[in-house]
Amino acid sequence: MTGAAGGHPRHALDEVIHAPVRFSVMATLASAEEAEFGFVRDGVQVSDSLLSKTVSALEKAGYVEVRKGYVGKRPRTWLRLSRQGRAAFGAHVAALRAIADGALPPDAGAVVSAEPG
């Protein structure tokens, strides 16, 4: 399987999303319409400051939308993927799958040895 313009699928990976924490945040948000900052922070297991920095980078790329408000008198922040973010995440995951599929032998149940016979 090939990626963009007939090249290796790695060329279709999105550098903004590819970092592990960014990818984890995108994956968490892809499974929901909207998520509260604390929920994402706890689910991805990062600090407030790292999540804030990550969200800023994803927001700058146009992938995440941030909404601030209050629950009672407590400030809250909600995150959601933008339409562009959902499309970018889907394309990134498809590229990862294409890479992984290309790494599997045709008979995935067969044992493959790298040692000369």
C-alpha atoms as a PDB file:
ATOM      1  CA  MET A   1       0.000   0.000   0.000  1.00  0.00           C
ATOM      2  CA  THR A   2       1.343   3.437  -0.817  1.00  0.00           C
ATOM      3  CA  GLY A   3       0.773   6.887   0.604  1.00  0.00           C
ATOM      4  CA  ALA A   4       0.478  10.323  -0.951  1.00  0.00           C
ATOM      5  CA  ALA A   5       1.626  10.614  -4.568  1.00  0.00           C
ATOM      6  CA  GLY A   6       2.506   6.912  -4.706  1.00  0.00           C
ATOM      7  CA  GLY A   7       5.260   7.244  -2.071  1.00  0.00           C
ATOM      8  CA  HIS A   8       5.670   5.561   1.261  1.00  0.00           C
ATOM      9  CA  PRO A   9       2.662   6.144   3.558  1.00  0.00           C
ATOM     10  CA  ARG A  10       4.910   7.859   6.127  1.00  0.00           C
ATOM     11  CA  HIS A  11       4.762  10.927   3.900  1.00  0.00           C
ATOM     12  CA  ALA A  12       1.060  11.226   4.778  1.00  0.00           C
ATOM     13  CA  LEU A  13       1.761  11.444   8.527  1.00  0.00           C
ATOM     14  CA  ASP A  14       0.860  14.789  10.059  1.00  0.00           C
ATOM     15  CA  GLU A  15       3.856  16.195  11.960  1.00  0.00           C
ATOM     16  CA  VAL A  16       1.566  18.269  14.190  1.00  0.00           C
ATOM     17  CA  ILE A  17      -0.361  15.182  15.322  1.00  0.00           C
ATOM     18  CA  HIS A  18       2.494  12.670  15.339  1.00  0.00           C
ATOM     19  CA  ALA A  19       3.987  13.626  18.726  1.00  0.00           C
ATOM     20  CA  PRO A  20       2.753  11.060  21.295  1.00  0.00           C
ATOM     21  CA  VAL A  21       0.932  13.495  23.610  1.00  0.00           C
ATOM     22  CA  ARG A  22      -0.674  15.364  20.710  1.00  0.00           C
ATOM     23  CA  PHE A  23      -1.753  12.079  19.147  1.00  0.00           C
ATOM     24  CA  SER A  24      -3.214  10.936  22.484  1.00  0.00           C
ATOM     25  CA  VAL A  25      -5.148  14.185  22.915  1.00  0.00           C
ATOM     26  CA  MET A  26      -6.488  13.964  19.356  1.00  0.00           C
ATOM     27  CA  ALA A  27      -7.526  10.331  19.894  1.00  0.00           C
ATOM     28  CA  THR A  28      -9.306  11.219  23.124  1.00  0.00           C
ATOM     29  CA  LEU A  29     -11.167  14.089  21.487  1.00  0.00           C
ATOM     30  CA  ALA A  30     -12.008  12.010  18.392  1.00  0.00           C
ATOM     31  CA  SER A  31     -14.118   9.722  20.551  1.00  0.00           C
ATOM     32  CA  ALA A  32     -16.292  12.544  21.918  1.00  0.00           C
ATOM     33  CA  GLU A  33     -18.165  15.603  20.731  1.00  0.00           C
ATOM     34  CA  GLU A  34     -16.514  17.672  23.457  1.00  0.00           C
ATOM     35  CA  ALA A  35     -14.453  16.908  26.566  1.00  0.00           C
ATOM     36  CA  GLU A  36     -13.605  18.854  29.699  1.00  0.00           C
ATOM     37  CA  PHE A  37      -9.934  19.800  30.116  1.00  0.00           C
ATOM     38  CA  GLY A  38      -9.573  17.771  33.325  1.00  0.00           C
ATOM     39  CA  PHE A  39     -11.037  14.665  31.693  1.00  0.00           C
ATOM     40  CA  VAL A  40      -8.524  14.877  28.837  1.00  0.00           C
ATOM     41  CA  ARG A  41      -5.655  15.628  31.243  1.00  0.00           C
ATOM     42  CA  ASP A  42      -6.474  12.609  33.393  1.00  0.00           C
ATOM     43  CA  GLY A  43      -7.115  10.317  30.434  1.00  0.00           C
ATOM     44  CA  VAL A  44      -3.854  11.204  28.698  1.00  0.00           C
ATOM     45  CA  GLN A  45      -2.022  11.297  32.060  1.00  0.00           C
ATOM     46  CA  VAL A  46      -0.235  14.615  31.659  1.00  0.00           C
ATOM     47  CA  SER A  47       0.102  17.751  33.759  1.00  0.00           C
ATOM     48  CA  ASP A  48      -2.096  20.817  33.314  1.00  0.00           C
ATOM     49  CA  SER A  49       0.825  22.747  31.851  1.00  0.00           C
ATOM     50  CA  LEU A  50       1.733  20.051  29.300  1.00  0.00           C
ATOM     51  CA  LEU A  51      -1.887  19.678  28.203  1.00  0.00           C
ATOM     52  CA  SER A  52      -2.236  23.453  27.934  1.00  0.00           C
ATOM     53  CA  LYS A  53       0.888  23.671  25.746  1.00  0.00           C
ATOM     54  CA  THR A  54      -0.324  20.745  23.625  1.00  0.00           C
ATOM     55  CA  VAL A  55      -3.787  22.229  23.184  1.00  0.00           C
ATOM     56  CA  SER A  56      -2.253  25.574  22.177  1.00  0.00           C
ATOM     57  CA  ALA A  57      -0.232  23.875  19.418  1.00  0.00           C
ATOM     58  CA  LEU A  58      -3.262  21.923  18.185  1.00  0.00           C
ATOM     59  CA  GLU A  59      -5.449  25.037  18.332  1.00  0.00           C
ATOM     60  CA  LYS A  60      -2.855  27.042  16.362  1.00  0.00           C
ATOM     61  CA  ALA A  61      -2.936  24.313  13.681  1.00  0.00           C
ATOM     62  CA  GLY A  62      -6.735  24.627  13.558  1.00  0.00           C
ATOM     63  CA  TYR A  63      -7.294  21.094  14.875  1.00  0.00           C
ATOM     64  CA  VAL A  64      -8.793  21.849  18.302  1.00  0.00           C
ATOM     65  CA  GLU A  65     -11.383  24.366  19.425  1.00  0.00           C
ATOM     66  CA  VAL A  66     -11.388  25.649  23.003  1.00  0.00           C
ATOM     67  CA  ARG A  67     -14.470  26.857  24.837  1.00  0.00           C
ATOM     68  CA  LYS A  68     -14.280  28.461  28.278  1.00  0.00           C
ATOM     69  CA  GLY A  69     -17.114  28.888  30.709  1.00  0.00           C
ATOM     70  CA  TYR A  70     -18.280  28.238  34.227  1.00  0.00           C
ATOM     71  CA  VAL A  71     -19.947  25.434  36.101  1.00  0.00           C
ATOM     72  CA  GLY A  72     -21.433  27.282  39.045  1.00  0.00           C
ATOM     73  CA  LYS A  73     -18.665  29.661  40.031  1.00  0.00           C
ATOM     74  CA  ARG A  74     -15.871  27.371  38.879  1.00  0.00           C
ATOM     75  CA  PRO A  75     -14.121  28.119  35.593  1.00  0.00           C
ATOM     76  CA  ARG A  76     -14.014  25.235  33.115  1.00  0.00           C
ATOM     77  CA  THR A  77     -12.418  24.643  29.735  1.00  0.00           C
ATOM     78  CA  TRP A  78     -13.884  22.311  27.127  1.00  0.00           C
ATOM     79  CA  LEU A  79     -12.036  20.955  24.125  1.00  0.00           C
ATOM     80  CA  ARG A  80     -13.290  19.593  20.834  1.00  0.00           C
ATOM     81  CA  LEU A  81     -11.837  18.636  17.491  1.00  0.00           C
ATOM     82  CA  SER A  82     -12.597  21.044  14.701  1.00  0.00           C
ATOM     83  CA  ARG A  83     -13.886  19.670  11.404  1.00  0.00           C
ATOM     84  CA  GLN A  84     -10.345  20.115  10.041  1.00  0.00           C
ATOM     85  CA  GLY A  85      -8.938  18.310  13.113  1.00  0.00           C
ATOM     86  CA  ARG A  86     -11.228  15.300  12.618  1.00  0.00           C
ATOM     87  CA  ALA A  87     -10.191  15.045   8.964  1.00  0.00           C
ATOM     88  CA  ALA A  88      -6.487  15.396   9.809  1.00  0.00           C
ATOM     89  CA  PHE A  89      -6.728  12.782  12.563  1.00  0.00           C
ATOM     90  CA  GLY A  90      -8.519  10.347  10.245  1.00  0.00           C
ATOM     91  CA  ALA A  91      -5.859  10.813   7.557  1.00  0.00           C
ATOM     92  CA  HIS A  92      -3.064  10.379  10.099  1.00  0.00           C
ATOM     93  CA  VAL A  93      -4.560   7.155  11.451  1.00  0.00           C
ATOM     94  CA  ALA A  94      -5.029   5.870   7.891  1.00  0.00           C
ATOM     95  CA  ALA A  95      -1.326   6.534   7.204  1.00  0.00           C
ATOM     96  CA  LEU A  96      -0.335   4.684  10.381  1.00  0.00           C
ATOM     97  CA  ARG A  97      -2.514   1.740   9.357  1.00  0.00           C
ATOM     98  CA  ALA A  98      -0.980   1.715   5.884  1.00  0.00           C
ATOM     99  CA  ILE A  99       2.503   1.629   7.395  1.00  0.00           C
ATOM    100  CA  ALA A 100       1.546  -1.157   9.806  1.00  0.00           C
ATOM    101  CA  ASP A 101      -0.211  -3.154   7.084  1.00  0.00           C
ATOM    102  CA  GLY A 102       2.901  -2.943   4.920  1.00  0.00           C
ATOM    103  CA  ALA A 103       5.011  -4.297   7.769  1.00  0.00           C
ATOM    104  CA  LEU A 104       2.945  -7.461   8.121  1.00  0.00           C
ATOM    105  CA  PRO A 105       3.841 -10.476   6.003  1.00  0.00           C
ATOM    106  CA  PRO A 106       1.111 -11.706   3.633  1.00  0.00           C
ATOM    107  CA  ASP A 107       0.492 -14.657   5.964  1.00  0.00           C
ATOM    108  CA  ALA A 108       0.504 -12.875   9.325  1.00  0.00           C
ATOM    109  CA  GLY A 109       0.273 -16.223  11.117  1.00  0.00           C
ATOM    110  CA  ALA A 110       3.562 -17.437   9.668  1.00  0.00           C
ATOM    111  CA  VAL A 111       6.767 -17.144  11.633  1.00  0.00           C
ATOM    112  CA  VAL A 112       9.281 -14.928   9.879  1.00  0.00           C
ATOM    113  CA  SER A 113      12.975 -15.345  10.634  1.00  0.00           C
ATOM    114  CA  ALA A 114      15.567 -12.677   9.922  1.00  0.00           C
ATOM    115  CA  GLU A 115      18.398 -15.204  10.330  1.00  0.00           C
ATOM    116  CA  PRO A 116      19.824 -16.949   7.284  1.00  0.00           C
ATOM    117  CA  GLY A 117      18.615 -20.520   6.927  1.00  0.00           C
END
